[in-house]
Amino acid sequence: MRRSLTVLAVSVLAVGAFVGTAAATPPGIPSETTARSELATLTVAADGSLDGYSRDKFPHWIDQGNNCNTREVVLKRDGTNVVTGSDCAATSGSWYSPYDGATWTAASDVDIDHVVPLADAWRTGAASWTTAQRQAYANDLSDPQLIAVTDNVNQAKGDASPDTWKPPLTMYWCTYAEMWIAVKHKFDLTVNSAEKSALTDMLGHC
């Protein structure tokens, strides 16, 4: 009994630490039920080519008013006690990365991740968009497409889809899948069969 209570106490502390931390929370994250429904409506197709792709075809980070660009807006939104200078650059604050559970106190250690990477968007529908449409996608503050996370974790992800990369923290897989699906649904992007299978599995962690 004593051992069981100890394990329970440690588990509660671990969960409490995670919940009590101000994790980055992009807007528009759907419920599991909504995510499953949206996933079922996505077109399943093989990924297209990356021919012609360039990050420059997705202009970012653009001005969002008040001397702030998109990156700076997300840093302020996703951080805790963020203080900015007159140029909107963060001078202090802390950022908890829900992908890996790390907390950072320097904005330079934080990347703004495109949940569905620009290259993935290109090969699943965005290649046919206008530059204006791609700019809106790359700077989308209304959907769960941008999130502040540990820079090297974001770099390790690259342009991978969920069948080849998932957040290191398994407890975040559900939320990550919900965000990914919401973005693909909003922008009418396709999924390949391995990606859809991985997303279905990740929703099983909800």
N, C-alpha and C. Protein backbone atom coordinates (compact mmCIF):
# COMPACT_ATOMS: atom_id res chain seq x y z
N MET A 1 0.84 -1.21 0.00
CA MET A 1 0.00 0.00 0.00
C MET A 1 0.87 1.25 0.00
N ARG A 2 1.94 1.24 0.86
CA ARG A 2 2.81 2.42 0.95
C ARG A 2 3.46 2.69 -0.40
N ARG A 3 3.92 1.61 -1.07
CA ARG A 3 4.56 1.77 -2.37
C ARG A 3 3.56 2.32 -3.39
N SER A 4 2.34 1.84 -3.37
CA SER A 4 1.31 2.30 -4.30
C SER A 4 1.02 3.78 -4.10
N LEU A 5 0.94 4.20 -2.81
CA LEU A 5 0.67 5.60 -2.52
C LEU A 5 1.82 6.49 -2.97
N THR A 6 3.05 5.98 -2.82
CA THR A 6 4.21 6.75 -3.27
C THR A 6 4.20 6.96 -4.77
N VAL A 7 3.90 5.89 -5.51
CA VAL A 7 3.82 5.98 -6.96
C VAL A 7 2.72 6.95 -7.37
N LEU A 8 1.58 6.86 -6.67
CA LEU A 8 0.47 7.76 -6.97
C LEU A 8 0.87 9.21 -6.72
N ALA A 9 1.55 9.47 -5.61
CA ALA A 9 1.95 10.83 -5.27
C ALA A 9 2.91 11.39 -6.31
N VAL A 10 3.86 10.58 -6.75
CA VAL A 10 4.80 11.02 -7.77
C VAL A 10 4.07 11.32 -9.07
N SER A 11 3.11 10.46 -9.43
CA SER A 11 2.35 10.67 -10.65
C SER A 11 1.57 11.96 -10.61
N VAL A 12 0.93 12.24 -9.45
CA VAL A 12 0.15 13.46 -9.28
C VAL A 12 1.06 14.68 -9.39
N LEU A 13 2.25 14.60 -8.77
CA LEU A 13 3.18 15.72 -8.84
C LEU A 13 3.62 15.98 -10.27
N ALA A 14 3.88 14.91 -11.01
CA ALA A 14 4.33 15.06 -12.39
C ALA A 14 3.26 15.71 -13.25
N VAL A 15 2.03 15.22 -13.11
CA VAL A 15 0.93 15.79 -13.87
C VAL A 15 0.68 17.23 -13.44
N GLY A 16 0.76 17.50 -12.15
CA GLY A 16 0.55 18.84 -11.65
C GLY A 16 1.57 19.81 -12.19
N ALA A 17 2.82 19.35 -12.30
CA ALA A 17 3.87 20.22 -12.82
C ALA A 17 3.59 20.57 -14.27
N PHE A 18 3.11 19.58 -15.03
CA PHE A 18 2.82 19.83 -16.44
C PHE A 18 1.64 20.78 -16.59
N VAL A 19 0.57 20.52 -15.85
CA VAL A 19 -0.64 21.32 -15.96
C VAL A 19 -0.40 22.73 -15.42
N GLY A 20 0.40 22.84 -14.37
CA GLY A 20 0.62 24.13 -13.73
C GLY A 20 1.51 25.06 -14.53
N THR A 21 2.24 24.53 -15.49
CA THR A 21 3.11 25.35 -16.30
C THR A 21 2.31 25.99 -17.42
N ALA A 22 2.62 27.26 -17.69
CA ALA A 22 1.90 27.98 -18.73
C ALA A 22 2.42 27.53 -20.09
N ALA A 23 1.84 26.46 -20.61
CA ALA A 23 2.29 25.93 -21.90
C ALA A 23 1.72 26.76 -23.03
N ALA A 24 2.44 26.77 -24.14
CA ALA A 24 1.97 27.45 -25.34
C ALA A 24 0.63 26.85 -25.76
N THR A 25 -0.35 27.71 -26.01
CA THR A 25 -1.67 27.22 -26.39
C THR A 25 -2.20 28.02 -27.57
N PRO A 26 -1.95 27.55 -28.78
CA PRO A 26 -2.47 28.24 -29.97
C PRO A 26 -3.99 28.24 -29.97
N PRO A 27 -4.61 29.18 -30.68
CA PRO A 27 -6.07 29.22 -30.74
C PRO A 27 -6.63 28.16 -31.67
N GLY A 28 -7.89 27.82 -31.44
CA GLY A 28 -8.60 26.97 -32.39
C GLY A 28 -8.30 25.49 -32.33
N ILE A 29 -7.73 25.00 -31.22
CA ILE A 29 -7.46 23.56 -31.12
C ILE A 29 -8.81 22.84 -30.95
N PRO A 30 -9.15 21.92 -31.85
CA PRO A 30 -10.45 21.26 -31.76
C PRO A 30 -10.46 20.16 -30.70
N SER A 31 -11.64 19.73 -30.34
CA SER A 31 -11.77 18.59 -29.44
C SER A 31 -11.38 17.32 -30.19
N GLU A 32 -11.18 16.24 -29.43
CA GLU A 32 -10.87 14.96 -30.07
C GLU A 32 -11.97 14.56 -31.04
N THR A 33 -13.22 14.73 -30.62
CA THR A 33 -14.35 14.35 -31.47
C THR A 33 -14.35 15.13 -32.78
N THR A 34 -14.13 16.43 -32.68
CA THR A 34 -14.09 17.27 -33.89
C THR A 34 -12.90 16.90 -34.77
N ALA A 35 -11.76 16.64 -34.13
CA ALA A 35 -10.57 16.26 -34.89
C ALA A 35 -10.79 14.96 -35.66
N ARG A 36 -11.41 13.99 -35.01
CA ARG A 36 -11.69 12.72 -35.70
C ARG A 36 -12.63 12.94 -36.88
N SER A 37 -13.62 13.79 -36.68
CA SER A 37 -14.57 14.08 -37.75
C SER A 37 -13.88 14.78 -38.92
N GLU A 38 -13.01 15.76 -38.60
CA GLU A 38 -12.30 16.48 -39.65
C GLU A 38 -11.31 15.57 -40.38
N LEU A 39 -10.66 14.70 -39.63
CA LEU A 39 -9.70 13.77 -40.24
C LEU A 39 -10.40 12.88 -41.27
N ALA A 40 -11.61 12.48 -40.95
CA ALA A 40 -12.36 11.60 -41.85
C ALA A 40 -12.71 12.29 -43.17
N THR A 41 -12.74 13.62 -43.17
CA THR A 41 -13.11 14.35 -44.39
C THR A 41 -11.91 14.73 -45.25
N LEU A 42 -10.69 14.57 -44.71
CA LEU A 42 -9.51 14.96 -45.48
C LEU A 42 -9.29 14.02 -46.66
N THR A 43 -8.86 14.59 -47.77
CA THR A 43 -8.55 13.79 -48.96
C THR A 43 -7.23 13.05 -48.75
N VAL A 44 -7.25 11.74 -48.95
CA VAL A 44 -6.04 10.93 -48.83
C VAL A 44 -5.41 10.81 -50.21
N ALA A 45 -4.17 11.26 -50.31
CA ALA A 45 -3.46 11.22 -51.59
C ALA A 45 -1.96 11.19 -51.34
N ALA A 46 -1.24 10.67 -52.28
CA ALA A 46 0.23 10.67 -52.16
C ALA A 46 0.73 12.11 -52.20
N ASP A 47 1.79 12.38 -51.45
CA ASP A 47 2.36 13.72 -51.45
C ASP A 47 2.84 14.10 -52.84
N GLY A 48 2.70 15.38 -53.15
CA GLY A 48 3.20 15.88 -54.43
C GLY A 48 4.69 16.15 -54.36
N SER A 49 5.21 16.72 -55.41
CA SER A 49 6.64 17.02 -55.52
C SER A 49 7.00 18.30 -54.78
N LEU A 50 8.26 18.40 -54.37
CA LEU A 50 8.78 19.64 -53.79
C LEU A 50 9.41 20.53 -54.86
N ASP A 51 9.28 20.15 -56.12
CA ASP A 51 9.83 20.97 -57.20
C ASP A 51 9.30 22.39 -57.11
N GLY A 52 10.20 23.35 -57.16
CA GLY A 52 9.80 24.75 -57.12
C GLY A 52 9.61 25.31 -55.73
N TYR A 53 9.72 24.46 -54.71
CA TYR A 53 9.49 24.92 -53.34
C TYR A 53 10.61 25.83 -52.84
N SER A 54 10.23 26.85 -52.11
CA SER A 54 11.15 27.73 -51.40
C SER A 54 10.40 28.37 -50.26
N ARG A 55 11.07 28.50 -49.11
CA ARG A 55 10.44 29.18 -47.98
C ARG A 55 10.10 30.62 -48.33
N ASP A 56 10.83 31.18 -49.27
CA ASP A 56 10.57 32.56 -49.69
C ASP A 56 9.21 32.70 -50.36
N LYS A 57 8.64 31.59 -50.79
CA LYS A 57 7.32 31.63 -51.41
C LYS A 57 6.20 31.66 -50.36
N PHE A 58 6.61 31.61 -49.08
CA PHE A 58 5.68 31.74 -47.94
C PHE A 58 6.18 32.93 -47.09
N PRO A 59 6.02 34.16 -47.55
CA PRO A 59 6.62 35.31 -46.87
C PRO A 59 6.25 35.36 -45.38
N HIS A 60 7.27 35.41 -44.53
CA HIS A 60 7.10 35.50 -43.09
C HIS A 60 8.43 35.99 -42.50
N TRP A 61 8.50 36.60 -41.38
CA TRP A 61 7.37 36.95 -40.53
C TRP A 61 6.90 38.37 -40.91
N ILE A 62 5.61 38.55 -41.14
CA ILE A 62 5.12 39.83 -41.62
C ILE A 62 4.72 40.74 -40.46
N ASP A 63 4.58 42.02 -40.75
CA ASP A 63 4.17 43.02 -39.75
C ASP A 63 2.74 42.76 -39.31
N GLN A 64 2.54 42.79 -37.99
CA GLN A 64 1.20 42.56 -37.42
C GLN A 64 0.69 43.80 -36.68
N GLY A 65 1.36 44.93 -36.88
CA GLY A 65 0.96 46.17 -36.22
C GLY A 65 1.69 46.38 -34.91
N ASN A 66 1.72 47.60 -34.44
CA ASN A 66 2.37 47.97 -33.18
C ASN A 66 3.86 47.56 -33.16
N ASN A 67 4.51 47.69 -34.31
CA ASN A 67 5.93 47.35 -34.45
C ASN A 67 6.24 45.87 -34.26
N CYS A 68 5.21 45.03 -34.26
CA CYS A 68 5.40 43.60 -34.00
C CYS A 68 5.23 42.78 -35.27
N ASN A 69 6.14 41.81 -35.47
CA ASN A 69 5.91 40.85 -36.55
C ASN A 69 5.27 39.59 -35.98
N THR A 70 4.99 38.64 -36.84
CA THR A 70 4.26 37.44 -36.42
C THR A 70 5.01 36.68 -35.33
N ARG A 71 6.32 36.51 -35.49
CA ARG A 71 7.11 35.80 -34.48
C ARG A 71 6.96 36.46 -33.13
N GLU A 72 7.06 37.76 -33.09
CA GLU A 72 7.00 38.48 -31.82
C GLU A 72 5.63 38.36 -31.17
N VAL A 73 4.59 38.36 -31.98
CA VAL A 73 3.23 38.20 -31.45
C VAL A 73 3.08 36.82 -30.80
N VAL A 74 3.59 35.78 -31.46
CA VAL A 74 3.47 34.42 -30.91
C VAL A 74 4.33 34.27 -29.66
N LEU A 75 5.52 34.85 -29.64
CA LEU A 75 6.35 34.79 -28.44
C LEU A 75 5.63 35.40 -27.25
N LYS A 76 4.97 36.51 -27.47
CA LYS A 76 4.24 37.16 -26.37
C LYS A 76 3.02 36.34 -25.97
N ARG A 77 2.33 35.79 -26.95
CA ARG A 77 1.13 34.98 -26.67
C ARG A 77 1.46 33.71 -25.91
N ASP A 78 2.53 33.04 -26.29
CA ASP A 78 2.84 31.73 -25.74
C ASP A 78 3.75 31.77 -24.52
N GLY A 79 4.30 32.94 -24.19
CA GLY A 79 5.21 33.03 -23.06
C GLY A 79 4.52 33.45 -21.77
N THR A 80 5.31 33.49 -20.72
CA THR A 80 4.83 33.92 -19.40
C THR A 80 5.64 35.14 -18.96
N ASN A 81 4.92 36.18 -18.52
CA ASN A 81 5.57 37.42 -18.05
C ASN A 81 6.54 37.97 -19.09
N VAL A 82 6.11 37.99 -20.32
CA VAL A 82 6.97 38.48 -21.41
C VAL A 82 6.99 40.00 -21.41
N VAL A 83 8.18 40.55 -21.39
CA VAL A 83 8.38 42.00 -21.48
C VAL A 83 9.03 42.30 -22.82
N THR A 84 8.51 43.29 -23.52
CA THR A 84 9.05 43.63 -24.83
C THR A 84 9.54 45.07 -24.85
N GLY A 85 10.50 45.34 -25.73
CA GLY A 85 11.00 46.68 -25.91
C GLY A 85 10.12 47.46 -26.87
N SER A 86 10.51 48.69 -27.17
CA SER A 86 9.72 49.53 -28.06
C SER A 86 9.66 48.96 -29.47
N ASP A 87 10.62 48.09 -29.81
CA ASP A 87 10.62 47.44 -31.13
C ASP A 87 9.87 46.12 -31.11
N CYS A 88 9.23 45.80 -29.99
CA CYS A 88 8.42 44.59 -29.79
C CYS A 88 9.26 43.34 -29.55
N ALA A 89 10.57 43.44 -29.57
CA ALA A 89 11.41 42.28 -29.29
C ALA A 89 11.33 41.93 -27.81
N ALA A 90 11.24 40.63 -27.50
CA ALA A 90 11.13 40.19 -26.11
C ALA A 90 12.46 40.41 -25.39
N THR A 91 12.40 41.11 -24.26
CA THR A 91 13.61 41.35 -23.48
C THR A 91 13.70 40.44 -22.27
N SER A 92 12.57 39.90 -21.84
CA SER A 92 12.56 38.92 -20.74
C SER A 92 11.25 38.14 -20.79
N GLY A 93 11.22 37.06 -20.01
CA GLY A 93 10.04 36.20 -19.98
C GLY A 93 10.47 34.75 -19.93
N SER A 94 9.53 33.85 -19.97
CA SER A 94 9.85 32.43 -20.01
C SER A 94 8.89 31.73 -20.96
N TRP A 95 9.40 30.67 -21.57
CA TRP A 95 8.63 29.93 -22.56
C TRP A 95 8.72 28.44 -22.27
N TYR A 96 7.57 27.82 -22.06
CA TYR A 96 7.50 26.38 -21.85
C TYR A 96 7.16 25.72 -23.17
N SER A 97 7.99 24.81 -23.62
CA SER A 97 7.78 24.11 -24.88
C SER A 97 7.03 22.81 -24.64
N PRO A 98 5.77 22.72 -25.05
CA PRO A 98 5.00 21.49 -24.79
C PRO A 98 5.46 20.29 -25.61
N TYR A 99 6.29 20.52 -26.62
CA TYR A 99 6.80 19.40 -27.40
C TYR A 99 7.75 18.52 -26.58
N ASP A 100 8.57 19.19 -25.74
CA ASP A 100 9.60 18.44 -25.01
C ASP A 100 9.66 18.73 -23.52
N GLY A 101 8.81 19.64 -23.03
CA GLY A 101 8.77 19.92 -21.59
C GLY A 101 9.85 20.85 -21.08
N ALA A 102 10.60 21.48 -21.97
CA ALA A 102 11.68 22.39 -21.55
C ALA A 102 11.14 23.80 -21.37
N THR A 103 11.76 24.53 -20.45
CA THR A 103 11.42 25.94 -20.23
C THR A 103 12.64 26.79 -20.53
N TRP A 104 12.44 27.88 -21.25
CA TRP A 104 13.52 28.76 -21.66
C TRP A 104 13.26 30.19 -21.20
N THR A 105 14.31 30.90 -20.89
CA THR A 105 14.17 32.29 -20.46
C THR A 105 14.80 33.26 -21.46
N ALA A 106 15.30 32.74 -22.57
CA ALA A 106 15.83 33.57 -23.63
C ALA A 106 15.05 33.29 -24.91
N ALA A 107 14.51 34.35 -25.51
CA ALA A 107 13.71 34.17 -26.72
C ALA A 107 14.53 33.54 -27.85
N SER A 108 15.83 33.69 -27.81
CA SER A 108 16.69 33.13 -28.85
C SER A 108 16.73 31.60 -28.81
N ASP A 109 16.29 31.01 -27.70
CA ASP A 109 16.24 29.55 -27.58
C ASP A 109 14.91 28.98 -28.06
N VAL A 110 14.03 29.86 -28.54
CA VAL A 110 12.68 29.45 -28.92
C VAL A 110 12.45 29.70 -30.41
N ASP A 111 11.92 28.70 -31.08
CA ASP A 111 11.48 28.84 -32.48
C ASP A 111 9.96 28.91 -32.51
N ILE A 112 9.44 29.54 -33.55
CA ILE A 112 8.01 29.48 -33.81
C ILE A 112 7.80 28.40 -34.87
N ASP A 113 7.21 27.29 -34.45
CA ASP A 113 7.01 26.16 -35.35
C ASP A 113 5.74 26.34 -36.16
N HIS A 114 5.84 26.07 -37.46
CA HIS A 114 4.63 25.89 -38.28
C HIS A 114 4.20 24.44 -38.03
N VAL A 115 3.10 24.25 -37.34
CA VAL A 115 2.67 22.89 -36.98
C VAL A 115 2.65 22.00 -38.21
N VAL A 116 1.96 22.43 -39.25
CA VAL A 116 2.08 21.77 -40.55
C VAL A 116 3.13 22.55 -41.33
N PRO A 117 4.32 21.99 -41.50
CA PRO A 117 5.43 22.73 -42.09
C PRO A 117 5.12 23.28 -43.49
N LEU A 118 5.83 24.33 -43.83
CA LEU A 118 5.62 24.97 -45.13
C LEU A 118 5.86 23.99 -46.28
N ALA A 119 6.91 23.19 -46.16
CA ALA A 119 7.21 22.23 -47.22
C ALA A 119 6.13 21.16 -47.32
N ASP A 120 5.59 20.74 -46.18
CA ASP A 120 4.50 19.76 -46.21
C ASP A 120 3.27 20.36 -46.87
N ALA A 121 2.99 21.62 -46.54
CA ALA A 121 1.86 22.29 -47.17
C ALA A 121 2.05 22.37 -48.69
N TRP A 122 3.28 22.66 -49.10
CA TRP A 122 3.58 22.77 -50.54
C TRP A 122 3.25 21.47 -51.27
N ARG A 123 3.69 20.35 -50.70
CA ARG A 123 3.50 19.09 -51.41
C ARG A 123 2.11 18.49 -51.20
N THR A 124 1.26 19.14 -50.40
CA THR A 124 -0.09 18.63 -50.19
C THR A 124 -1.17 19.64 -50.60
N GLY A 125 -0.78 20.63 -51.40
CA GLY A 125 -1.80 21.55 -51.93
C GLY A 125 -1.35 22.98 -52.14
N ALA A 126 -0.41 23.48 -51.33
CA ALA A 126 -0.05 24.89 -51.38
C ALA A 126 0.75 25.29 -52.61
N ALA A 127 1.26 24.31 -53.35
CA ALA A 127 2.03 24.63 -54.56
C ALA A 127 1.18 25.40 -55.57
N SER A 128 -0.14 25.19 -55.50
CA SER A 128 -1.04 25.85 -56.46
C SER A 128 -1.62 27.15 -55.93
N TRP A 129 -1.25 27.53 -54.70
CA TRP A 129 -1.77 28.75 -54.11
C TRP A 129 -1.06 29.98 -54.67
N THR A 130 -1.68 31.13 -54.45
CA THR A 130 -1.03 32.40 -54.76
C THR A 130 -0.05 32.74 -53.63
N THR A 131 0.85 33.66 -53.89
CA THR A 131 1.79 34.08 -52.85
C THR A 131 1.03 34.68 -51.66
N ALA A 132 -0.03 35.39 -51.93
CA ALA A 132 -0.83 35.98 -50.85
C ALA A 132 -1.44 34.91 -49.97
N GLN A 133 -1.90 33.82 -50.58
CA GLN A 133 -2.47 32.72 -49.80
C GLN A 133 -1.40 32.04 -48.95
N ARG A 134 -0.22 31.88 -49.54
CA ARG A 134 0.87 31.24 -48.79
C ARG A 134 1.36 32.14 -47.66
N GLN A 135 1.34 33.44 -47.87
CA GLN A 135 1.72 34.37 -46.81
C GLN A 135 0.73 34.29 -45.65
N ALA A 136 -0.56 34.23 -45.97
CA ALA A 136 -1.59 34.11 -44.93
C ALA A 136 -1.41 32.83 -44.13
N TYR A 137 -1.05 31.76 -44.82
CA TYR A 137 -0.84 30.47 -44.17
C TYR A 137 0.36 30.53 -43.22
N ALA A 138 1.45 31.11 -43.68
CA ALA A 138 2.69 31.14 -42.92
C ALA A 138 2.64 32.06 -41.72
N ASN A 139 1.64 32.94 -41.67
CA ASN A 139 1.52 33.91 -40.58
C ASN A 139 0.17 33.82 -39.87
N ASP A 140 -0.45 32.65 -39.95
CA ASP A 140 -1.80 32.45 -39.44
C ASP A 140 -1.85 32.48 -37.91
N LEU A 141 -2.49 33.49 -37.38
CA LEU A 141 -2.63 33.64 -35.92
C LEU A 141 -4.01 33.21 -35.43
N SER A 142 -4.88 32.78 -36.32
CA SER A 142 -6.26 32.45 -35.96
C SER A 142 -6.49 30.96 -35.75
N ASP A 143 -5.54 30.15 -36.20
CA ASP A 143 -5.68 28.71 -36.12
C ASP A 143 -4.48 28.12 -35.39
N PRO A 144 -4.52 26.83 -35.03
CA PRO A 144 -3.40 26.22 -34.28
C PRO A 144 -2.24 25.85 -35.18
N GLN A 145 -1.71 26.83 -35.92
CA GLN A 145 -0.66 26.59 -36.89
C GLN A 145 0.71 27.06 -36.41
N LEU A 146 0.75 28.00 -35.47
CA LEU A 146 2.01 28.55 -34.97
C LEU A 146 2.13 28.31 -33.47
N ILE A 147 3.31 27.86 -33.03
CA ILE A 147 3.50 27.58 -31.61
C ILE A 147 4.96 27.76 -31.24
N ALA A 148 5.20 28.34 -30.06
CA ALA A 148 6.57 28.57 -29.59
C ALA A 148 7.10 27.30 -28.93
N VAL A 149 8.23 26.80 -29.45
CA VAL A 149 8.81 25.56 -28.94
C VAL A 149 10.35 25.66 -28.92
N THR A 150 10.97 24.70 -28.27
CA THR A 150 12.44 24.62 -28.23
C THR A 150 13.01 24.61 -29.64
N ASP A 151 14.01 25.46 -29.88
CA ASP A 151 14.52 25.62 -31.24
C ASP A 151 15.07 24.33 -31.85
N ASN A 152 15.89 23.58 -31.08
CA ASN A 152 16.49 22.39 -31.70
C ASN A 152 15.48 21.26 -31.90
N VAL A 153 14.39 21.27 -31.13
CA VAL A 153 13.33 20.29 -31.34
C VAL A 153 12.60 20.62 -32.65
N ASN A 154 12.35 21.88 -32.87
CA ASN A 154 11.73 22.32 -34.11
C ASN A 154 12.61 21.98 -35.31
N GLN A 155 13.91 22.17 -35.14
CA GLN A 155 14.84 21.88 -36.23
C GLN A 155 14.93 20.38 -36.50
N ALA A 156 14.81 19.58 -35.45
CA ALA A 156 14.81 18.12 -35.63
C ALA A 156 13.56 17.67 -36.39
N LYS A 157 12.45 18.35 -36.16
CA LYS A 157 11.21 18.03 -36.86
C LYS A 157 11.34 18.32 -38.35
N GLY A 158 11.96 19.43 -38.70
CA GLY A 158 12.10 19.79 -40.11
C GLY A 158 10.74 19.91 -40.79
N ASP A 159 10.60 19.24 -41.93
CA ASP A 159 9.31 19.28 -42.64
C ASP A 159 8.57 17.95 -42.54
N ALA A 160 8.87 17.19 -41.48
CA ALA A 160 8.30 15.85 -41.32
C ALA A 160 6.83 15.88 -40.93
N SER A 161 6.10 14.89 -41.41
CA SER A 161 4.71 14.71 -41.01
C SER A 161 4.67 13.69 -39.87
N PRO A 162 3.52 13.53 -39.21
CA PRO A 162 3.45 12.71 -37.99
C PRO A 162 3.82 11.23 -38.14
N ASP A 163 3.86 10.72 -39.35
CA ASP A 163 4.27 9.32 -39.52
C ASP A 163 5.78 9.15 -39.36
N THR A 164 6.54 10.26 -39.44
CA THR A 164 7.99 10.17 -39.28
C THR A 164 8.53 11.01 -38.14
N TRP A 165 7.70 11.90 -37.57
CA TRP A 165 8.13 12.70 -36.42
C TRP A 165 6.95 13.01 -35.54
N LYS A 166 7.15 12.86 -34.23
CA LYS A 166 6.15 13.23 -33.24
C LYS A 166 6.85 13.98 -32.12
N PRO A 167 6.14 14.82 -31.36
CA PRO A 167 6.76 15.50 -30.22
C PRO A 167 7.36 14.49 -29.26
N PRO A 168 8.53 14.78 -28.68
CA PRO A 168 9.17 13.88 -27.72
C PRO A 168 8.26 13.51 -26.55
N LEU A 169 7.41 14.45 -26.11
CA LEU A 169 6.50 14.17 -24.99
C LEU A 169 5.25 13.45 -25.50
N THR A 170 5.12 12.18 -25.17
CA THR A 170 3.98 11.40 -25.63
C THR A 170 2.65 12.01 -25.18
N MET A 171 2.66 12.64 -23.99
CA MET A 171 1.42 13.22 -23.47
C MET A 171 0.89 14.36 -24.34
N TYR A 172 1.72 14.85 -25.26
CA TYR A 172 1.29 15.95 -26.13
C TYR A 172 0.84 15.45 -27.51
N TRP A 173 0.93 14.15 -27.74
CA TRP A 173 0.59 13.63 -29.06
C TRP A 173 -0.86 13.92 -29.44
N CYS A 174 -1.76 13.80 -28.51
CA CYS A 174 -3.18 14.05 -28.80
C CYS A 174 -3.38 15.48 -29.28
N THR A 175 -2.87 16.44 -28.52
CA THR A 175 -3.03 17.84 -28.87
C THR A 175 -2.36 18.16 -30.20
N TYR A 176 -1.18 17.59 -30.40
CA TYR A 176 -0.46 17.83 -31.65
C TYR A 176 -1.26 17.32 -32.84
N ALA A 177 -1.83 16.15 -32.71
CA ALA A 177 -2.66 15.60 -33.79
C ALA A 177 -3.88 16.47 -34.04
N GLU A 178 -4.52 16.93 -32.97
CA GLU A 178 -5.68 17.81 -33.12
C GLU A 178 -5.32 19.08 -33.87
N MET A 179 -4.15 19.67 -33.54
CA MET A 179 -3.72 20.89 -34.22
C MET A 179 -3.42 20.61 -35.69
N TRP A 180 -2.66 19.54 -35.96
CA TRP A 180 -2.28 19.19 -37.33
C TRP A 180 -3.52 19.01 -38.20
N ILE A 181 -4.48 18.24 -37.68
CA ILE A 181 -5.71 17.97 -38.43
C ILE A 181 -6.49 19.25 -38.68
N ALA A 182 -6.59 20.12 -37.68
CA ALA A 182 -7.33 21.37 -37.83
C ALA A 182 -6.75 22.23 -38.94
N VAL A 183 -5.42 22.29 -39.01
CA VAL A 183 -4.77 23.10 -40.04
C VAL A 183 -5.00 22.49 -41.42
N LYS A 184 -4.82 21.18 -41.54
CA LYS A 184 -5.04 20.53 -42.84
C LYS A 184 -6.48 20.70 -43.30
N HIS A 185 -7.40 20.64 -42.35
CA HIS A 185 -8.82 20.79 -42.68
C HIS A 185 -9.13 22.22 -43.10
N LYS A 186 -8.62 23.18 -42.33
CA LYS A 186 -8.88 24.60 -42.63
C LYS A 186 -8.38 24.98 -44.02
N PHE A 187 -7.19 24.51 -44.37
CA PHE A 187 -6.57 24.92 -45.63
C PHE A 187 -6.75 23.90 -46.76
N ASP A 188 -7.58 22.90 -46.53
CA ASP A 188 -7.93 21.91 -47.55
C ASP A 188 -6.68 21.24 -48.13
N LEU A 189 -5.79 20.83 -47.23
CA LEU A 189 -4.58 20.12 -47.63
C LEU A 189 -4.83 18.61 -47.54
N THR A 190 -4.13 17.85 -48.35
CA THR A 190 -4.30 16.40 -48.35
C THR A 190 -3.43 15.74 -47.28
N VAL A 191 -3.71 14.48 -46.99
CA VAL A 191 -2.87 13.66 -46.12
C VAL A 191 -2.54 12.38 -46.88
N ASN A 192 -1.34 11.83 -46.62
CA ASN A 192 -1.06 10.52 -47.22
C ASN A 192 -1.52 9.43 -46.26
N SER A 193 -1.54 8.22 -46.70
CA SER A 193 -2.13 7.14 -45.90
C SER A 193 -1.35 6.89 -44.60
N ALA A 194 -0.01 6.96 -44.66
CA ALA A 194 0.79 6.75 -43.45
C ALA A 194 0.56 7.87 -42.44
N GLU A 195 0.42 9.06 -42.94
CA GLU A 195 0.15 10.23 -42.09
C GLU A 195 -1.21 10.09 -41.41
N LYS A 196 -2.23 9.68 -42.15
CA LYS A 196 -3.56 9.51 -41.57
C LYS A 196 -3.56 8.43 -40.51
N SER A 197 -2.84 7.34 -40.75
CA SER A 197 -2.74 6.26 -39.76
C SER A 197 -2.06 6.75 -38.49
N ALA A 198 -1.00 7.53 -38.65
CA ALA A 198 -0.28 8.06 -37.48
C ALA A 198 -1.16 9.01 -36.68
N LEU A 199 -1.91 9.84 -37.37
CA LEU A 199 -2.80 10.79 -36.69
C LEU A 199 -3.89 10.05 -35.93
N THR A 200 -4.43 9.01 -36.52
CA THR A 200 -5.45 8.20 -35.85
C THR A 200 -4.89 7.59 -34.57
N ASP A 201 -3.67 7.07 -34.65
CA ASP A 201 -3.01 6.49 -33.48
C ASP A 201 -2.79 7.55 -32.41
N MET A 202 -2.37 8.74 -32.81
CA MET A 202 -2.10 9.81 -31.85
C MET A 202 -3.36 10.26 -31.14
N LEU A 203 -4.48 10.27 -31.85
CA LEU A 203 -5.75 10.62 -31.21
C LEU A 203 -6.16 9.57 -30.18
N GLY A 204 -5.61 8.37 -30.32
CA GLY A 204 -5.86 7.33 -29.33
C GLY A 204 -5.23 7.64 -27.99
N HIS A 205 -4.33 8.61 -27.94
CA HIS A 205 -3.69 9.02 -26.69
C HIS A 205 -4.49 10.08 -25.95
N CYS A 206 -5.61 10.50 -26.54
CA CYS A 206 -6.40 11.55 -25.88
C CYS A 206 -7.03 11.06 -24.58
